[in-house]
Amino acid sequence: MTLTLSRPRRMTVPRRSFVTRRNIPYLLVLPALLGFLVFKAYPILAAMYISLTTGAGAARSFVGLDNYVRLVNDPLFWTSLWNTGLILVVQVPIMLLFALLLALGLNSPLVRLRGLWRLGVFMPSLTGLVAYGVMFSVILRKDAGLLNWLLSLFGVDPIDWLGSPFWARIAIVIALTWHYTGYNAVIYLAGLQSIPKDLYEAAMVDGAGSVRRFWSITVPQLRPILLLTVVLSTIGTLQLFDEPFVLTGGGPDNSTLTISLYLYQNGFRYFDFGYAAAIAYALTLIVAGFGIAQMRMQKR
């Protein structure tokens, strides 16, 4: 009788799959994270390094904080900062006031065809920035512009909207107000429609008039939305580029030169990318400072 020895069976270790219930959320987030690292984080860090260098192309040399020192002593940078701040202080309050008045009117039950009016108010914000800039450059012409023709009907002499430092700034304000008022009006309209009507009915029972109801109910209820539009409008105006670039090119006499336009000129006209990157980081700090200050004011 022969005995046959059987080979011992190998123990098979179960393969662990990388796709598990625990790892699925991270796998889903991974494409967005990679996109952020490649298209956001890397350019930000690369721009920081470029701001510490000078030169063109691969022939760049490290200069430390020289570009930032140059920035502080650059009169054109301060001129662009002054122009941007002036447009911000003048245009943003006017635009938000018009937007609030439009929202109150469009929310009134006395207005007929409110849907059509709301669409008409929002339409300007759908127009491309360059397209409406070109449109306003035609409207604001001194000799054959539509606005000067309308003013001539009332006996007003032609105004050099784009050739005078004062009127060029006014032209930028007019263009910005036309384009963004409807956008903010729609935001305010959504906020008005979310206010409970019971508050207004209780105030009317107590004898509060329309003005009293506006200041005691509407404004407090809209306070978060008002803050949102102020912050967004401030950030957008600090980054103002398209309108002065298309309408005036920063002129006349640098009266409409904004920070973003000055950044563009240094980077893509003079190819001084190190200095342009320094301007970009200075603009980032300014925008962050305004945003933090406005949020703290709201908390107080």
C-alpha atoms as a PDB file:
ATOM      1  CA  MET A   1       0.000   0.000   0.000  1.00  0.00           C
ATOM      2  CA  THR A   2       1.442   3.340  -1.029  1.00  0.00           C
ATOM      3  CA  LEU A   3       0.855   6.554   0.828  1.00  0.00           C
ATOM      4  CA  THR A   4       0.482   9.779  -1.157  1.00  0.00           C
ATOM      5  CA  LEU A   5       1.328  12.988   0.572  1.00  0.00           C
ATOM      6  CA  SER A   6      -0.831  15.921  -0.464  1.00  0.00           C
ATOM      7  CA  ARG A   7       0.693  19.341  -0.741  1.00  0.00           C
ATOM      8  CA  PRO A   8      -0.401  21.775   1.863  1.00  0.00           C
ATOM      9  CA  ARG A   9      -2.709  24.388   0.427  1.00  0.00           C
ATOM     10  CA  ARG A  10      -1.400  27.906   0.262  1.00  0.00           C
ATOM     11  CA  MET A  11      -3.238  30.354   2.353  1.00  0.00           C
ATOM     12  CA  THR A  12      -4.787  32.977   0.109  1.00  0.00           C
ATOM     13  CA  VAL A  13      -4.829  36.475   1.540  1.00  0.00           C
ATOM     14  CA  PRO A  14      -7.872  38.396   0.350  1.00  0.00           C
ATOM     15  CA  ARG A  15      -6.951  41.407  -1.709  1.00  0.00           C
ATOM     16  CA  ARG A  16      -7.952  44.665  -0.161  1.00  0.00           C
ATOM     17  CA  SER A  17      -9.697  46.951  -2.584  1.00  0.00           C
ATOM     18  CA  PHE A  18      -8.672  50.589  -2.565  1.00  0.00           C
ATOM     19  CA  VAL A  19     -12.255  51.588  -3.335  1.00  0.00           C
ATOM     20  CA  THR A  20     -14.005  51.220  -0.020  1.00  0.00           C
ATOM     21  CA  ARG A  21     -16.902  52.903   1.640  1.00  0.00           C
ATOM     22  CA  ARG A  22     -14.438  54.904   3.696  1.00  0.00           C
ATOM     23  CA  ASN A  23     -12.327  56.035   0.734  1.00  0.00           C
ATOM     24  CA  ILE A  24     -15.126  56.890  -1.700  1.00  0.00           C
ATOM     25  CA  PRO A  25     -15.614  60.502  -0.427  1.00  0.00           C
ATOM     26  CA  TYR A  26     -11.894  61.194  -0.828  1.00  0.00           C
ATOM     27  CA  LEU A  27     -11.878  59.700  -4.318  1.00  0.00           C
ATOM     28  CA  LEU A  28     -14.794  61.906  -5.318  1.00  0.00           C
ATOM     29  CA  VAL A  29     -13.046  65.010  -3.990  1.00  0.00           C
ATOM     30  CA  LEU A  30      -9.696  64.081  -5.574  1.00  0.00           C
ATOM     31  CA  PRO A  31     -10.382  65.506  -9.107  1.00  0.00           C
ATOM     32  CA  ALA A  32     -11.446  68.858  -7.665  1.00  0.00           C
ATOM     33  CA  LEU A  33      -8.438  68.867  -5.339  1.00  0.00           C
ATOM     34  CA  LEU A  34      -6.056  68.121  -8.198  1.00  0.00           C
ATOM     35  CA  GLY A  35      -7.665  70.859 -10.268  1.00  0.00           C
ATOM     36  CA  PHE A  36      -7.244  73.315  -7.412  1.00  0.00           C
ATOM     37  CA  LEU A  37      -3.592  72.391  -6.916  1.00  0.00           C
ATOM     38  CA  VAL A  38      -2.739  72.623 -10.618  1.00  0.00           C
ATOM     39  CA  PHE A  39      -4.817  75.634 -11.666  1.00  0.00           C
ATOM     40  CA  LYS A  40      -5.011  77.618  -8.396  1.00  0.00           C
ATOM     41  CA  ALA A  41      -2.374  76.768  -5.806  1.00  0.00           C
ATOM     42  CA  TYR A  42       0.540  76.398  -8.224  1.00  0.00           C
ATOM     43  CA  PRO A  43      -0.118  79.718 -10.066  1.00  0.00           C
ATOM     44  CA  ILE A  44      -0.463  81.517  -6.719  1.00  0.00           C
ATOM     45  CA  LEU A  45       2.847  80.160  -5.453  1.00  0.00           C
ATOM     46  CA  ALA A  46       4.525  80.715  -8.826  1.00  0.00           C
ATOM     47  CA  ALA A  47       3.318  84.334  -8.870  1.00  0.00           C
ATOM     48  CA  MET A  48       4.732  84.822  -5.370  1.00  0.00           C
ATOM     49  CA  TYR A  49       8.129  83.599  -6.565  1.00  0.00           C
ATOM     50  CA  ILE A  50       7.948  85.732  -9.719  1.00  0.00           C
ATOM     51  CA  SER A  51       7.207  88.813  -7.578  1.00  0.00           C
ATOM     52  CA  LEU A  52      10.603  88.276  -5.922  1.00  0.00           C
ATOM     53  CA  THR A  53      12.483  88.136  -9.234  1.00  0.00           C
ATOM     54  CA  THR A  54      13.229  90.319 -12.237  1.00  0.00           C
ATOM     55  CA  GLY A  55      14.027  89.613 -15.859  1.00  0.00           C
ATOM     56  CA  ALA A  56      12.265  87.964 -18.784  1.00  0.00           C
ATOM     57  CA  GLY A  57      11.656  84.303 -19.552  1.00  0.00           C
ATOM     58  CA  ALA A  58      14.043  81.804 -18.008  1.00  0.00           C
ATOM     59  CA  ALA A  59      16.676  84.485 -17.395  1.00  0.00           C
ATOM     60  CA  ARG A  60      15.221  85.621 -14.113  1.00  0.00           C
ATOM     61  CA  SER A  61      17.257  86.757 -11.126  1.00  0.00           C
ATOM     62  CA  PHE A  62      16.182  86.832  -7.503  1.00  0.00           C
ATOM     63  CA  VAL A  63      15.868  90.373  -6.140  1.00  0.00           C
ATOM     64  CA  GLY A  64      13.968  89.776  -2.900  1.00  0.00           C
ATOM     65  CA  LEU A  65      11.568  92.561  -1.943  1.00  0.00           C
ATOM     66  CA  ASP A  66      12.880  95.079  -4.488  1.00  0.00           C
ATOM     67  CA  ASN A  67       9.656  94.964  -6.508  1.00  0.00           C
ATOM     68  CA  TYR A  68       7.610  95.775  -3.400  1.00  0.00           C
ATOM     69  CA  VAL A  69       9.932  98.636  -2.485  1.00  0.00           C
ATOM     70  CA  ARG A  70       9.554  99.919  -6.024  1.00  0.00           C
ATOM     71  CA  LEU A  71       5.789  99.597  -5.648  1.00  0.00           C
ATOM     72  CA  VAL A  72       5.720 101.817  -2.581  1.00  0.00           C
ATOM     73  CA  ASN A  73       7.764 104.494  -4.356  1.00  0.00           C
ATOM     74  CA  ASP A  74       5.865 104.295  -7.658  1.00  0.00           C
ATOM     75  CA  PRO A  75       3.652 107.380  -8.193  1.00  0.00           C
ATOM     76  CA  LEU A  76       1.680 105.636 -10.953  1.00  0.00           C
ATOM     77  CA  PHE A  77       0.685 102.875  -8.556  1.00  0.00           C
ATOM     78  CA  TRP A  78      -0.668 105.436  -6.097  1.00  0.00           C
ATOM     79  CA  THR A  79      -2.440 107.217  -8.946  1.00  0.00           C
ATOM     80  CA  SER A  80      -4.119 103.964  -9.981  1.00  0.00           C
ATOM     81  CA  LEU A  81      -5.042 103.267  -6.357  1.00  0.00           C
ATOM     82  CA  TRP A  82      -6.540 106.752  -6.008  1.00  0.00           C
ATOM     83  CA  ASN A  83      -8.547 106.384  -9.229  1.00  0.00           C
ATOM     84  CA  THR A  84      -9.869 102.976  -8.159  1.00  0.00           C
ATOM     85  CA  GLY A  85     -10.819 104.244  -4.705  1.00  0.00           C
ATOM     86  CA  LEU A  86     -12.541 107.314  -6.159  1.00  0.00           C
ATOM     87  CA  ILE A  87     -14.653 105.221  -8.529  1.00  0.00           C
ATOM     88  CA  LEU A  88     -15.439 102.860  -5.648  1.00  0.00           C
ATOM     89  CA  VAL A  89     -16.615 105.609  -3.292  1.00  0.00           C
ATOM     90  CA  VAL A  90     -18.771 107.303  -5.936  1.00  0.00           C
ATOM     91  CA  GLN A  91     -20.130 104.437  -8.020  1.00  0.00           C
ATOM     92  CA  VAL A  92     -20.929 101.696  -5.513  1.00  0.00           C
ATOM     93  CA  PRO A  93     -23.326 103.748  -3.290  1.00  0.00           C
ATOM     94  CA  ILE A  94     -25.127 105.172  -6.343  1.00  0.00           C
ATOM     95  CA  MET A  95     -25.481 101.740  -7.929  1.00  0.00           C
ATOM     96  CA  LEU A  96     -26.733 100.019  -4.760  1.00  0.00           C
ATOM     97  CA  LEU A  97     -29.195 102.830  -4.063  1.00  0.00           C
ATOM     98  CA  PHE A  98     -30.657 102.555  -7.557  1.00  0.00           C
ATOM     99  CA  ALA A  99     -30.748  98.769  -7.210  1.00  0.00           C
ATOM    100  CA  LEU A 100     -32.661  98.982  -3.931  1.00  0.00           C
ATOM    101  CA  LEU A 101     -35.176 101.461  -5.383  1.00  0.00           C
ATOM    102  CA  LEU A 102     -35.681  99.235  -8.421  1.00  0.00           C
ATOM    103  CA  ALA A 103     -36.192  96.188  -6.221  1.00  0.00           C
ATOM    104  CA  LEU A 104     -38.774  98.020  -4.103  1.00  0.00           C
ATOM    105  CA  GLY A 105     -40.614  99.096  -7.246  1.00  0.00           C
ATOM    106  CA  LEU A 106     -40.538  95.655  -8.850  1.00  0.00           C
ATOM    107  CA  ASN A 107     -41.775  94.091  -5.612  1.00  0.00           C
ATOM    108  CA  SER A 108     -44.803  96.370  -5.448  1.00  0.00           C
ATOM    109  CA  PRO A 109     -48.148  94.710  -6.245  1.00  0.00           C
ATOM    110  CA  LEU A 110     -49.191  97.898  -8.047  1.00  0.00           C
ATOM    111  CA  VAL A 111     -46.753  97.236 -10.907  1.00  0.00           C
ATOM    112  CA  ARG A 112     -48.206  95.290 -13.818  1.00  0.00           C
ATOM    113  CA  LEU A 113     -46.178  92.857 -15.934  1.00  0.00           C
ATOM    114  CA  ARG A 114     -43.627  92.578 -13.152  1.00  0.00           C
ATOM    115  CA  GLY A 115     -41.988  89.558 -14.764  1.00  0.00           C
ATOM    116  CA  LEU A 116     -41.309  91.505 -17.951  1.00  0.00           C
ATOM    117  CA  TRP A 117     -39.907  94.487 -16.038  1.00  0.00           C
ATOM    118  CA  ARG A 118     -37.670  92.223 -13.963  1.00  0.00           C
ATOM    119  CA  LEU A 119     -36.285  90.633 -17.105  1.00  0.00           C
ATOM    120  CA  GLY A 120     -35.605  94.045 -18.599  1.00  0.00           C
ATOM    121  CA  VAL A 121     -33.797  95.223 -15.479  1.00  0.00           C
ATOM    122  CA  PHE A 122     -31.600  92.123 -15.402  1.00  0.00           C
ATOM    123  CA  MET A 123     -30.763  92.096 -19.135  1.00  0.00           C
ATOM    124  CA  PRO A 124     -27.850  94.624 -18.974  1.00  0.00           C
ATOM    125  CA  SER A 125     -25.919  92.341 -16.615  1.00  0.00           C
ATOM    126  CA  LEU A 126     -26.038  89.596 -19.265  1.00  0.00           C
ATOM    127  CA  THR A 127     -24.216  91.765 -21.787  1.00  0.00           C
ATOM    128  CA  GLY A 128     -20.555  90.904 -22.289  1.00  0.00           C
ATOM    129  CA  LEU A 129     -18.097  93.298 -20.658  1.00  0.00           C
ATOM    130  CA  VAL A 130     -16.216  94.086 -23.853  1.00  0.00           C
ATOM    131  CA  ALA A 131     -19.433  94.306 -25.888  1.00  0.00           C
ATOM    132  CA  TYR A 132     -21.077  96.860 -23.648  1.00  0.00           C
ATOM    133  CA  GLY A 133     -17.785  98.743 -23.318  1.00  0.00           C
ATOM    134  CA  VAL A 134     -17.666  99.144 -27.095  1.00  0.00           C
ATOM    135  CA  MET A 135     -21.338 100.149 -27.054  1.00  0.00           C
ATOM    136  CA  PHE A 136     -20.684 102.898 -24.515  1.00  0.00           C
ATOM    137  CA  SER A 137     -17.633 104.090 -26.441  1.00  0.00           C
ATOM    138  CA  VAL A 138     -20.011 104.771 -29.330  1.00  0.00           C
ATOM    139  CA  ILE A 139     -22.720 106.323 -27.153  1.00  0.00           C
ATOM    140  CA  LEU A 140     -20.250 108.634 -25.390  1.00  0.00           C
ATOM    141  CA  ARG A 141     -18.532 110.017 -28.483  1.00  0.00           C
ATOM    142  CA  LYS A 142     -18.129 113.754 -28.414  1.00  0.00           C
ATOM    143  CA  ASP A 143     -19.174 114.516 -31.984  1.00  0.00           C
ATOM    144  CA  ALA A 144     -21.619 111.776 -32.994  1.00  0.00           C
ATOM    145  CA  GLY A 145     -22.510 110.167 -29.672  1.00  0.00           C
ATOM    146  CA  LEU A 146     -26.092 109.418 -28.713  1.00  0.00           C
ATOM    147  CA  LEU A 147     -25.785 110.950 -25.240  1.00  0.00           C
ATOM    148  CA  ASN A 148     -24.481 114.290 -26.510  1.00  0.00           C
ATOM    149  CA  TRP A 149     -27.259 114.323 -29.115  1.00  0.00           C
ATOM    150  CA  LEU A 150     -29.866 113.892 -26.390  1.00  0.00           C
ATOM    151  CA  LEU A 151     -28.239 116.622 -24.308  1.00  0.00           C
ATOM    152  CA  SER A 152     -28.212 118.962 -27.307  1.00  0.00           C
ATOM    153  CA  LEU A 153     -32.014 118.774 -27.388  1.00  0.00           C
ATOM    154  CA  PHE A 154     -31.935 120.615 -24.046  1.00  0.00           C
ATOM    155  CA  GLY A 155     -29.355 123.139 -25.193  1.00  0.00           C
ATOM    156  CA  VAL A 156     -26.341 121.476 -23.542  1.00  0.00           C
ATOM    157  CA  ASP A 157     -23.029 121.799 -25.357  1.00  0.00           C
ATOM    158  CA  PRO A 158     -21.230 118.568 -26.378  1.00  0.00           C
ATOM    159  CA  ILE A 159     -19.257 117.001 -23.536  1.00  0.00           C
ATOM    160  CA  ASP A 160     -15.923 115.310 -24.143  1.00  0.00           C
ATOM    161  CA  TRP A 161     -16.844 112.224 -22.149  1.00  0.00           C
ATOM    162  CA  LEU A 162     -13.758 110.197 -23.011  1.00  0.00           C
ATOM    163  CA  GLY A 163     -11.232 113.007 -23.543  1.00  0.00           C
ATOM    164  CA  SER A 164     -11.563 114.934 -20.271  1.00  0.00           C
ATOM    165  CA  PRO A 165     -10.140 113.527 -17.008  1.00  0.00           C
ATOM    166  CA  PHE A 166     -13.227 114.491 -15.009  1.00  0.00           C
ATOM    167  CA  TRP A 167     -15.816 113.332 -17.532  1.00  0.00           C
ATOM    168  CA  ALA A 168     -13.892 110.151 -18.299  1.00  0.00           C
ATOM    169  CA  ARG A 169     -14.324 109.065 -14.673  1.00  0.00           C
ATOM    170  CA  ILE A 170     -18.016 109.962 -14.879  1.00  0.00           C
ATOM    171  CA  ALA A 171     -18.279 107.836 -18.035  1.00  0.00           C
ATOM    172  CA  ILE A 172     -16.790 104.844 -16.207  1.00  0.00           C
ATOM    173  CA  VAL A 173     -19.287 105.349 -13.362  1.00  0.00           C
ATOM    174  CA  ILE A 174     -22.208 105.552 -15.809  1.00  0.00           C
ATOM    175  CA  ALA A 175     -21.142 102.368 -17.605  1.00  0.00           C
ATOM    176  CA  LEU A 176     -20.650 100.409 -14.387  1.00  0.00           C
ATOM    177  CA  THR A 177     -23.976 101.586 -12.957  1.00  0.00           C
ATOM    178  CA  TRP A 178     -25.855 100.617 -16.111  1.00  0.00           C
ATOM    179  CA  HIS A 179     -24.300  97.158 -16.213  1.00  0.00           C
ATOM    180  CA  TYR A 180     -24.501  96.055 -12.559  1.00  0.00           C
ATOM    181  CA  THR A 181     -27.561  97.804 -11.111  1.00  0.00           C
ATOM    182  CA  GLY A 182     -29.997  95.168 -12.382  1.00  0.00           C
ATOM    183  CA  TYR A 183     -27.852  92.341 -11.023  1.00  0.00           C
ATOM    184  CA  ASN A 184     -27.969  93.789  -7.507  1.00  0.00           C
ATOM    185  CA  ALA A 185     -31.657  94.666  -7.881  1.00  0.00           C
ATOM    186  CA  VAL A 186     -32.489  91.003  -8.464  1.00  0.00           C
ATOM    187  CA  ILE A 187     -30.560  90.055  -5.309  1.00  0.00           C
ATOM    188  CA  TYR A 188     -32.470  92.668  -3.306  1.00  0.00           C
ATOM    189  CA  LEU A 189     -35.745  91.522  -4.845  1.00  0.00           C
ATOM    190  CA  ALA A 190     -35.108  87.968  -3.662  1.00  0.00           C
ATOM    191  CA  GLY A 191     -34.416  89.315  -0.181  1.00  0.00           C
ATOM    192  CA  LEU A 192     -37.599  91.388  -0.162  1.00  0.00           C
ATOM    193  CA  GLN A 193     -39.707  88.408  -1.148  1.00  0.00           C
ATOM    194  CA  SER A 194     -38.263  86.370   1.740  1.00  0.00           C
ATOM    195  CA  ILE A 195     -39.414  88.871   4.384  1.00  0.00           C
ATOM    196  CA  PRO A 196     -42.532  87.535   6.160  1.00  0.00           C
ATOM    197  CA  LYS A 197     -45.598  89.614   5.347  1.00  0.00           C
ATOM    198  CA  ASP A 198     -46.820  89.142   8.897  1.00  0.00           C
ATOM    199  CA  LEU A 199     -44.248  91.681  10.055  1.00  0.00           C
ATOM    200  CA  TYR A 200     -45.679  94.364   7.761  1.00  0.00           C
ATOM    201  CA  GLU A 201     -49.259  93.522   8.753  1.00  0.00           C
ATOM    202  CA  ALA A 202     -48.420  93.753  12.449  1.00  0.00           C
ATOM    203  CA  ALA A 203     -46.668  97.083  11.888  1.00  0.00           C
ATOM    204  CA  MET A 204     -49.694  98.434   9.985  1.00  0.00           C
ATOM    205  CA  VAL A 205     -51.957  97.395  12.851  1.00  0.00           C
ATOM    206  CA  ASP A 206     -49.695  99.343  15.200  1.00  0.00           C
ATOM    207  CA  GLY A 207     -50.071 102.398  12.977  1.00  0.00           C
ATOM    208  CA  ALA A 208     -46.596 102.409  11.345  1.00  0.00           C
ATOM    209  CA  GLY A 209     -46.425 104.242   8.028  1.00  0.00           C
ATOM    210  CA  SER A 210     -44.596 103.140   4.915  1.00  0.00           C
ATOM    211  CA  VAL A 211     -41.408 105.017   5.802  1.00  0.00           C
ATOM    212  CA  ARG A 212     -41.406 103.597   9.315  1.00  0.00           C
ATOM    213  CA  ARG A 213     -41.974 100.077   7.993  1.00  0.00           C
ATOM    214  CA  PHE A 214     -39.089 100.509   5.564  1.00  0.00           C
ATOM    215  CA  TRP A 215     -36.573 101.553   8.232  1.00  0.00           C
ATOM    216  CA  SER A 216     -37.818  99.252  10.984  1.00  0.00           C
ATOM    217  CA  ILE A 217     -38.556  96.082   8.971  1.00  0.00           C
ATOM    218  CA  THR A 218     -37.169  96.161   5.448  1.00  0.00           C
ATOM    219  CA  VAL A 219     -33.689  97.492   6.168  1.00  0.00           C
ATOM    220  CA  PRO A 220     -32.976  95.236   9.201  1.00  0.00           C
ATOM    221  CA  GLN A 221     -34.243  92.172   7.336  1.00  0.00           C
ATOM    222  CA  LEU A 222     -32.111  93.036   4.304  1.00  0.00           C
ATOM    223  CA  ARG A 223     -28.970  93.766   6.331  1.00  0.00           C
ATOM    224  CA  PRO A 224     -27.147  90.493   5.452  1.00  0.00           C
ATOM    225  CA  ILE A 225     -28.001  90.945   1.770  1.00  0.00           C
ATOM    226  CA  LEU A 226     -26.922  94.586   1.867  1.00  0.00           C
ATOM    227  CA  LEU A 227     -23.595  93.494   3.315  1.00  0.00           C
ATOM    228  CA  LEU A 228     -23.228  90.835   0.623  1.00  0.00           C
ATOM    229  CA  THR A 229     -23.783  93.304  -2.217  1.00  0.00           C
ATOM    230  CA  VAL A 230     -21.457  95.872  -0.637  1.00  0.00           C
ATOM    231  CA  VAL A 231     -18.661  93.307  -0.295  1.00  0.00           C
ATOM    232  CA  LEU A 232     -19.141  91.916  -3.815  1.00  0.00           C
ATOM    233  CA  SER A 233     -19.362  95.380  -5.365  1.00  0.00           C
ATOM    234  CA  THR A 234     -16.276  96.548  -3.472  1.00  0.00           C
ATOM    235  CA  ILE A 235     -14.231  93.550  -4.580  1.00  0.00           C
ATOM    236  CA  GLY A 236     -15.448  93.904  -8.169  1.00  0.00           C
ATOM    237  CA  THR A 237     -14.617  97.618  -8.311  1.00  0.00           C
ATOM    238  CA  LEU A 238     -11.151  97.091  -6.832  1.00  0.00           C
ATOM    239  CA  GLN A 239     -10.538  94.619  -9.680  1.00  0.00           C
ATOM    240  CA  LEU A 240     -11.948  96.995 -12.306  1.00  0.00           C
ATOM    241  CA  PHE A 241     -10.301  96.407 -15.687  1.00  0.00           C
ATOM    242  CA  ASP A 242     -12.591  95.911 -18.706  1.00  0.00           C
ATOM    243  CA  GLU A 243     -14.393  99.254 -18.720  1.00  0.00           C
ATOM    244  CA  PRO A 244     -11.335 101.552 -18.513  1.00  0.00           C
ATOM    245  CA  PHE A 245      -9.417  99.268 -20.871  1.00  0.00           C
ATOM    246  CA  VAL A 246     -12.099  99.444 -23.583  1.00  0.00           C
ATOM    247  CA  LEU A 247     -13.396 102.981 -23.048  1.00  0.00           C
ATOM    248  CA  THR A 248     -10.339 105.083 -22.201  1.00  0.00           C
ATOM    249  CA  GLY A 249      -7.280 102.837 -22.055  1.00  0.00           C
ATOM    250  CA  GLY A 250      -6.488 104.381 -18.669  1.00  0.00           C
ATOM    251  CA  GLY A 251      -6.451 107.935 -19.999  1.00  0.00           C
ATOM    252  CA  PRO A 252      -6.677 110.767 -20.428  1.00  0.00           C
ATOM    253  CA  ASP A 253      -3.611 111.661 -18.367  1.00  0.00           C
ATOM    254  CA  ASN A 254      -3.962 108.414 -16.347  1.00  0.00           C
ATOM    255  CA  SER A 255      -7.247 109.681 -14.871  1.00  0.00           C
ATOM    256  CA  THR A 256      -8.945 106.281 -15.306  1.00  0.00           C
ATOM    257  CA  LEU A 257      -5.900 104.096 -14.713  1.00  0.00           C
ATOM    258  CA  THR A 258      -6.980 101.389 -12.252  1.00  0.00           C
ATOM    259  CA  ILE A 259      -4.839  98.901 -10.332  1.00  0.00           C
ATOM    260  CA  SER A 260      -5.811  95.975 -12.548  1.00  0.00           C
ATOM    261  CA  LEU A 261      -5.167  97.974 -15.703  1.00  0.00           C
ATOM    262  CA  TYR A 262      -1.756  99.072 -14.376  1.00  0.00           C
ATOM    263  CA  LEU A 263      -1.001  95.421 -13.575  1.00  0.00           C
ATOM    264  CA  TYR A 264      -1.918  94.456 -17.148  1.00  0.00           C
ATOM    265  CA  GLN A 265       0.242  97.178 -18.647  1.00  0.00           C
ATOM    266  CA  ASN A 266       3.315  96.123 -16.694  1.00  0.00           C
ATOM    267  CA  GLY A 267       2.809  92.438 -17.390  1.00  0.00           C
ATOM    268  CA  PHE A 268       1.688  92.345 -21.027  1.00  0.00           C
ATOM    269  CA  ARG A 269       2.856  95.647 -22.466  1.00  0.00           C
ATOM    270  CA  TYR A 270       6.248  96.053 -20.779  1.00  0.00           C
ATOM    271  CA  PHE A 271       6.674  92.324 -19.933  1.00  0.00           C
ATOM    272  CA  ASP A 272       7.801  93.209 -16.409  1.00  0.00           C
ATOM    273  CA  PHE A 273       6.184  90.150 -14.871  1.00  0.00           C
ATOM    274  CA  GLY A 274       7.987  90.441 -11.540  1.00  0.00           C
ATOM    275  CA  TYR A 275       6.607  93.905 -10.900  1.00  0.00           C
ATOM    276  CA  ALA A 276       3.175  92.900 -12.215  1.00  0.00           C
ATOM    277  CA  ALA A 277       3.092  89.975  -9.765  1.00  0.00           C
ATOM    278  CA  ALA A 278       3.977  92.351  -6.923  1.00  0.00           C
ATOM    279  CA  ILE A 279       1.069  94.590  -7.942  1.00  0.00           C
ATOM    280  CA  ALA A 280      -1.207  91.542  -7.974  1.00  0.00           C
ATOM    281  CA  TYR A 281      -0.263  90.625  -4.415  1.00  0.00           C
ATOM    282  CA  ALA A 282      -0.708  94.214  -3.269  1.00  0.00           C
ATOM    283  CA  LEU A 283      -4.193  94.197  -4.825  1.00  0.00           C
ATOM    284  CA  THR A 284      -4.959  90.907  -3.075  1.00  0.00           C
ATOM    285  CA  LEU A 285      -4.030  92.390   0.296  1.00  0.00           C
ATOM    286  CA  ILE A 286      -6.166  95.478  -0.370  1.00  0.00           C
ATOM    287  CA  VAL A 287      -9.203  93.385  -1.350  1.00  0.00           C
ATOM    288  CA  ALA A 288      -8.767  91.135   1.698  1.00  0.00           C
ATOM    289  CA  GLY A 289      -8.440  94.148   3.974  1.00  0.00           C
ATOM    290  CA  PHE A 290     -11.644  95.724   2.676  1.00  0.00           C
ATOM    291  CA  GLY A 291     -13.537  92.459   2.990  1.00  0.00           C
ATOM    292  CA  ILE A 292     -12.421  91.843   6.577  1.00  0.00           C
ATOM    293  CA  ALA A 293     -13.182  95.439   7.580  1.00  0.00           C
ATOM    294  CA  GLN A 294     -16.687  95.285   6.136  1.00  0.00           C
ATOM    295  CA  MET A 295     -17.423  91.973   7.846  1.00  0.00           C
ATOM    296  CA  ARG A 296     -16.288  93.346  11.199  1.00  0.00           C
ATOM    297  CA  MET A 297     -18.387  96.463  10.770  1.00  0.00           C
ATOM    298  CA  GLN A 298     -21.414  94.255  10.131  1.00  0.00           C
ATOM    299  CA  LYS A 299     -20.779  92.284  13.338  1.00  0.00           C
ATOM    300  CA  ARG A 300     -20.615  95.487  15.343  1.00  0.00           C
END
